[in-house]
Amino acid sequence: MRTTPFPNRRFEKLSSRDADKFVIRLPNGMRSEVDAAADDQFTSMNSFILQAIAEKLDREGRQDLLLDALAEAVVDAKWCATMNRPAWKCGCPDCGSSLVQIEDGE
Protein backbone atom coordinates (compact mmCIF):
# COMPACT_ATOMS: atom_id res chain seq x y z
CA MET A 1 0.00 0.00 0.00
CA ARG A 2 1.43 3.35 -0.99
CA THR A 3 0.63 6.30 1.23
CA THR A 4 1.36 9.96 0.86
CA PRO A 5 4.48 10.90 2.82
CA PHE A 6 2.96 14.21 3.96
CA PRO A 7 -0.64 13.70 5.09
CA ASN A 8 -0.83 17.09 6.85
CA ARG A 9 1.08 19.14 4.29
CA ARG A 10 0.03 20.54 0.95
CA PHE A 11 2.68 20.80 -1.71
CA GLU A 12 2.44 22.19 -5.18
CA LYS A 13 2.73 19.40 -7.75
CA LEU A 14 5.93 20.05 -9.70
CA SER A 15 7.80 18.07 -12.27
CA SER A 16 11.27 16.94 -11.24
CA ARG A 17 12.65 19.49 -13.67
CA ASP A 18 10.88 22.40 -11.90
CA ALA A 19 11.22 21.20 -8.30
CA ASP A 20 13.73 22.85 -5.97
CA LYS A 21 16.84 20.68 -5.61
CA PHE A 22 19.27 20.22 -2.76
CA VAL A 23 22.26 17.86 -2.75
CA ILE A 24 23.14 16.12 0.52
CA ARG A 25 26.17 14.07 1.50
CA LEU A 26 25.35 10.83 3.30
CA PRO A 27 27.77 9.04 5.62
CA ASN A 28 29.12 5.70 4.41
CA GLY A 29 26.44 3.04 4.54
CA MET A 30 23.49 5.38 5.06
CA ARG A 31 22.42 5.34 1.42
CA SER A 32 21.92 1.56 1.53
CA GLU A 33 19.97 1.90 4.81
CA VAL A 34 17.71 4.57 3.31
CA ASP A 35 17.27 2.53 0.14
CA ALA A 36 16.30 -0.59 2.12
CA ALA A 37 13.89 1.36 4.36
CA ALA A 38 12.29 3.03 1.33
CA ASP A 39 11.89 -0.37 -0.36
CA ASP A 40 10.23 -1.74 2.79
CA GLN A 41 7.70 1.10 2.58
CA PHE A 42 7.26 0.74 -1.21
CA THR A 43 8.39 4.31 -1.80
CA SER A 44 11.32 6.11 -3.37
CA MET A 45 14.40 7.20 -1.46
CA ASN A 46 13.46 10.80 -2.21
CA SER A 47 9.97 10.39 -0.69
CA PHE A 48 11.43 8.57 2.31
CA ILE A 49 13.93 11.38 2.99
CA LEU A 50 11.28 14.08 2.51
CA GLN A 51 8.97 12.28 4.92
CA ALA A 52 11.76 12.06 7.52
CA ILE A 53 12.43 15.80 7.20
CA ALA A 54 8.71 16.66 7.40
CA GLU A 55 8.27 14.49 10.51
CA LYS A 56 11.27 16.16 12.18
CA LEU A 57 9.88 19.64 11.45
CA ASP A 58 6.42 18.65 12.73
CA ARG A 59 7.92 17.18 15.93
CA GLU A 60 9.84 20.38 16.60
CA GLY A 61 6.68 22.43 16.06
CA ARG A 62 4.71 20.24 18.50
CA GLN A 63 7.58 20.41 20.99
CA ASP A 64 7.54 24.23 20.86
CA LEU A 65 3.77 24.24 21.48
CA LEU A 66 4.15 21.90 24.46
CA LEU A 67 6.98 23.96 25.95
CA ASP A 68 4.93 27.15 25.55
CA ALA A 69 1.93 25.52 27.26
CA LEU A 70 4.13 24.24 30.08
CA ALA A 71 5.73 27.66 30.60
CA GLU A 72 2.28 29.26 30.69
CA ALA A 73 1.06 26.69 33.23
CA VAL A 74 4.06 27.35 35.47
CA VAL A 75 3.48 31.11 35.33
CA ASP A 76 -0.23 30.66 36.09
CA ALA A 77 0.35 28.18 38.94
CA LYS A 78 -0.36 29.38 42.46
CA TRP A 79 2.46 28.89 44.95
CA CYS A 80 2.16 28.38 48.70
CA ALA A 81 4.59 30.75 50.40
CA THR A 82 4.05 29.04 53.78
CA MET A 83 5.07 25.56 52.67
CA ASN A 84 7.13 26.60 49.60
CA ARG A 85 5.41 24.24 47.18
CA PRO A 86 2.65 24.36 44.56
CA ALA A 87 -0.70 25.21 46.18
CA TRP A 88 -2.47 22.37 44.39
CA LYS A 89 -0.07 19.96 46.09
CA CYS A 90 0.10 21.71 49.47
CA GLY A 91 -2.85 21.23 51.76
CA CYS A 92 -1.88 23.73 54.45
CA PRO A 93 -4.59 25.96 56.00
CA ASP A 94 -3.23 29.02 54.15
CA CYS A 95 -4.02 27.40 50.81
CA GLY A 96 -7.48 26.33 51.87
CA SER A 97 -6.92 22.93 50.37
CA SER A 98 -8.94 19.90 51.40
CA LEU A 99 -5.79 17.81 51.75
CA VAL A 100 -5.49 18.84 55.42
CA GLN A 101 -8.62 18.45 57.51
CA ILE A 102 -8.82 20.79 60.49
CA GLU A 103 -11.45 19.82 63.03
CA ASP A 104 -13.48 22.52 64.78
CA GLY A 105 -12.69 23.10 68.43
CA GLU A 106 -8.99 22.27 68.32
C-alpha atoms as a PDB file:
ATOM      1  CA  MET A   1       0.000   0.000   0.000  1.00  0.00           C
ATOM      2  CA  ARG A   2       1.434   3.350  -0.991  1.00  0.00           C
ATOM      3  CA  THR A   3       0.626   6.296   1.228  1.00  0.00           C
ATOM      4  CA  THR A   4       1.362   9.957   0.862  1.00  0.00           C
ATOM      5  CA  PRO A   5       4.482  10.900   2.825  1.00  0.00           C
ATOM      6  CA  PHE A   6       2.962  14.210   3.957  1.00  0.00           C
ATOM      7  CA  PRO A   7      -0.641  13.697   5.088  1.00  0.00           C
ATOM      8  CA  ASN A   8      -0.826  17.091   6.854  1.00  0.00           C
ATOM      9  CA  ARG A   9       1.078  19.139   4.293  1.00  0.00           C
ATOM     10  CA  ARG A  10       0.034  20.537   0.950  1.00  0.00           C
ATOM     11  CA  PHE A  11       2.684  20.802  -1.709  1.00  0.00           C
ATOM     12  CA  GLU A  12       2.441  22.186  -5.181  1.00  0.00           C
ATOM     13  CA  LYS A  13       2.728  19.401  -7.745  1.00  0.00           C
ATOM     14  CA  LEU A  14       5.935  20.052  -9.700  1.00  0.00           C
ATOM     15  CA  SER A  15       7.805  18.069 -12.272  1.00  0.00           C
ATOM     16  CA  SER A  16      11.268  16.940 -11.235  1.00  0.00           C
ATOM     17  CA  ARG A  17      12.655  19.494 -13.668  1.00  0.00           C
ATOM     18  CA  ASP A  18      10.875  22.399 -11.900  1.00  0.00           C
ATOM     19  CA  ALA A  19      11.219  21.201  -8.296  1.00  0.00           C
ATOM     20  CA  ASP A  20      13.732  22.845  -5.975  1.00  0.00           C
ATOM     21  CA  LYS A  21      16.837  20.679  -5.612  1.00  0.00           C
ATOM     22  CA  PHE A  22      19.271  20.221  -2.758  1.00  0.00           C
ATOM     23  CA  VAL A  23      22.264  17.865  -2.745  1.00  0.00           C
ATOM     24  CA  ILE A  24      23.140  16.120   0.518  1.00  0.00           C
ATOM     25  CA  ARG A  25      26.171  14.073   1.503  1.00  0.00           C
ATOM     26  CA  LEU A  26      25.350  10.833   3.300  1.00  0.00           C
ATOM     27  CA  PRO A  27      27.766   9.042   5.624  1.00  0.00           C
ATOM     28  CA  ASN A  28      29.122   5.698   4.411  1.00  0.00           C
ATOM     29  CA  GLY A  29      26.437   3.044   4.540  1.00  0.00           C
ATOM     30  CA  MET A  30      23.490   5.380   5.057  1.00  0.00           C
ATOM     31  CA  ARG A  31      22.423   5.337   1.416  1.00  0.00           C
ATOM     32  CA  SER A  32      21.924   1.564   1.531  1.00  0.00           C
ATOM     33  CA  GLU A  33      19.973   1.896   4.810  1.00  0.00           C
ATOM     34  CA  VAL A  34      17.712   4.574   3.312  1.00  0.00           C
ATOM     35  CA  ASP A  35      17.272   2.526   0.142  1.00  0.00           C
ATOM     36  CA  ALA A  36      16.296  -0.589   2.124  1.00  0.00           C
ATOM     37  CA  ALA A  37      13.893   1.357   4.360  1.00  0.00           C
ATOM     38  CA  ALA A  38      12.288   3.027   1.333  1.00  0.00           C
ATOM     39  CA  ASP A  39      11.893  -0.369  -0.361  1.00  0.00           C
ATOM     40  CA  ASP A  40      10.234  -1.736   2.788  1.00  0.00           C
ATOM     41  CA  GLN A  41       7.697   1.103   2.576  1.00  0.00           C
ATOM     42  CA  PHE A  42       7.259   0.742  -1.211  1.00  0.00           C
ATOM     43  CA  THR A  43       8.385   4.311  -1.805  1.00  0.00           C
ATOM     44  CA  SER A  44      11.316   6.114  -3.366  1.00  0.00           C
ATOM     45  CA  MET A  45      14.398   7.199  -1.458  1.00  0.00           C
ATOM     46  CA  ASN A  46      13.455  10.801  -2.207  1.00  0.00           C
ATOM     47  CA  SER A  47       9.969  10.393  -0.687  1.00  0.00           C
ATOM     48  CA  PHE A  48      11.430   8.568   2.308  1.00  0.00           C
ATOM     49  CA  ILE A  49      13.932  11.377   2.986  1.00  0.00           C
ATOM     50  CA  LEU A  50      11.283  14.082   2.511  1.00  0.00           C
ATOM     51  CA  GLN A  51       8.970  12.276   4.924  1.00  0.00           C
ATOM     52  CA  ALA A  52      11.758  12.063   7.523  1.00  0.00           C
ATOM     53  CA  ILE A  53      12.432  15.801   7.195  1.00  0.00           C
ATOM     54  CA  ALA A  54       8.710  16.660   7.402  1.00  0.00           C
ATOM     55  CA  GLU A  55       8.266  14.490  10.513  1.00  0.00           C
ATOM     56  CA  LYS A  56      11.269  16.159  12.178  1.00  0.00           C
ATOM     57  CA  LEU A  57       9.881  19.636  11.454  1.00  0.00           C
ATOM     58  CA  ASP A  58       6.422  18.646  12.726  1.00  0.00           C
ATOM     59  CA  ARG A  59       7.921  17.179  15.929  1.00  0.00           C
ATOM     60  CA  GLU A  60       9.837  20.378  16.598  1.00  0.00           C
ATOM     61  CA  GLY A  61       6.676  22.425  16.062  1.00  0.00           C
ATOM     62  CA  ARG A  62       4.715  20.245  18.503  1.00  0.00           C
ATOM     63  CA  GLN A  63       7.575  20.413  20.994  1.00  0.00           C
ATOM     64  CA  ASP A  64       7.544  24.226  20.862  1.00  0.00           C
ATOM     65  CA  LEU A  65       3.769  24.238  21.485  1.00  0.00           C
ATOM     66  CA  LEU A  66       4.151  21.898  24.462  1.00  0.00           C
ATOM     67  CA  LEU A  67       6.976  23.961  25.950  1.00  0.00           C
ATOM     68  CA  ASP A  68       4.929  27.153  25.553  1.00  0.00           C
ATOM     69  CA  ALA A  69       1.932  25.515  27.257  1.00  0.00           C
ATOM     70  CA  LEU A  70       4.133  24.241  30.083  1.00  0.00           C
ATOM     71  CA  ALA A  71       5.726  27.661  30.596  1.00  0.00           C
ATOM     72  CA  GLU A  72       2.276  29.259  30.692  1.00  0.00           C
ATOM     73  CA  ALA A  73       1.056  26.687  33.226  1.00  0.00           C
ATOM     74  CA  VAL A  74       4.058  27.351  35.467  1.00  0.00           C
ATOM     75  CA  VAL A  75       3.483  31.113  35.331  1.00  0.00           C
ATOM     76  CA  ASP A  76      -0.230  30.659  36.093  1.00  0.00           C
ATOM     77  CA  ALA A  77       0.345  28.185  38.939  1.00  0.00           C
ATOM     78  CA  LYS A  78      -0.357  29.375  42.465  1.00  0.00           C
ATOM     79  CA  TRP A  79       2.464  28.895  44.950  1.00  0.00           C
ATOM     80  CA  CYS A  80       2.158  28.383  48.699  1.00  0.00           C
ATOM     81  CA  ALA A  81       4.592  30.753  50.403  1.00  0.00           C
ATOM     82  CA  THR A  82       4.049  29.039  53.778  1.00  0.00           C
ATOM     83  CA  MET A  83       5.071  25.565  52.673  1.00  0.00           C
ATOM     84  CA  ASN A  84       7.125  26.601  49.604  1.00  0.00           C
ATOM     85  CA  ARG A  85       5.406  24.243  47.176  1.00  0.00           C
ATOM     86  CA  PRO A  86       2.648  24.355  44.565  1.00  0.00           C
ATOM     87  CA  ALA A  87      -0.702  25.213  46.175  1.00  0.00           C
ATOM     88  CA  TRP A  88      -2.470  22.366  44.388  1.00  0.00           C
ATOM     89  CA  LYS A  89      -0.073  19.964  46.093  1.00  0.00           C
ATOM     90  CA  CYS A  90       0.104  21.708  49.466  1.00  0.00           C
ATOM     91  CA  GLY A  91      -2.855  21.230  51.758  1.00  0.00           C
ATOM     92  CA  CYS A  92      -1.880  23.733  54.446  1.00  0.00           C
ATOM     93  CA  PRO A  93      -4.587  25.961  55.996  1.00  0.00           C
ATOM     94  CA  ASP A  94      -3.231  29.020  54.145  1.00  0.00           C
ATOM     95  CA  CYS A  95      -4.015  27.400  50.810  1.00  0.00           C
ATOM     96  CA  GLY A  96      -7.476  26.333  51.873  1.00  0.00           C
ATOM     97  CA  SER A  97      -6.924  22.926  50.372  1.00  0.00           C
ATOM     98  CA  SER A  98      -8.937  19.905  51.398  1.00  0.00           C
ATOM     99  CA  LEU A  99      -5.785  17.813  51.747  1.00  0.00           C
ATOM    100  CA  VAL A 100      -5.486  18.839  55.421  1.00  0.00           C
ATOM    101  CA  GLN A 101      -8.622  18.448  57.505  1.00  0.00           C
ATOM    102  CA  ILE A 102      -8.818  20.792  60.495  1.00  0.00           C
ATOM    103  CA  GLU A 103     -11.450  19.820  63.028  1.00  0.00           C
ATOM    104  CA  ASP A 104     -13.481  22.518  64.777  1.00  0.00           C
ATOM    105  CA  GLY A 105     -12.693  23.099  68.432  1.00  0.00           C
ATOM    106  CA  GLU A 106      -8.995  22.273  68.319  1.00  0.00           C
END
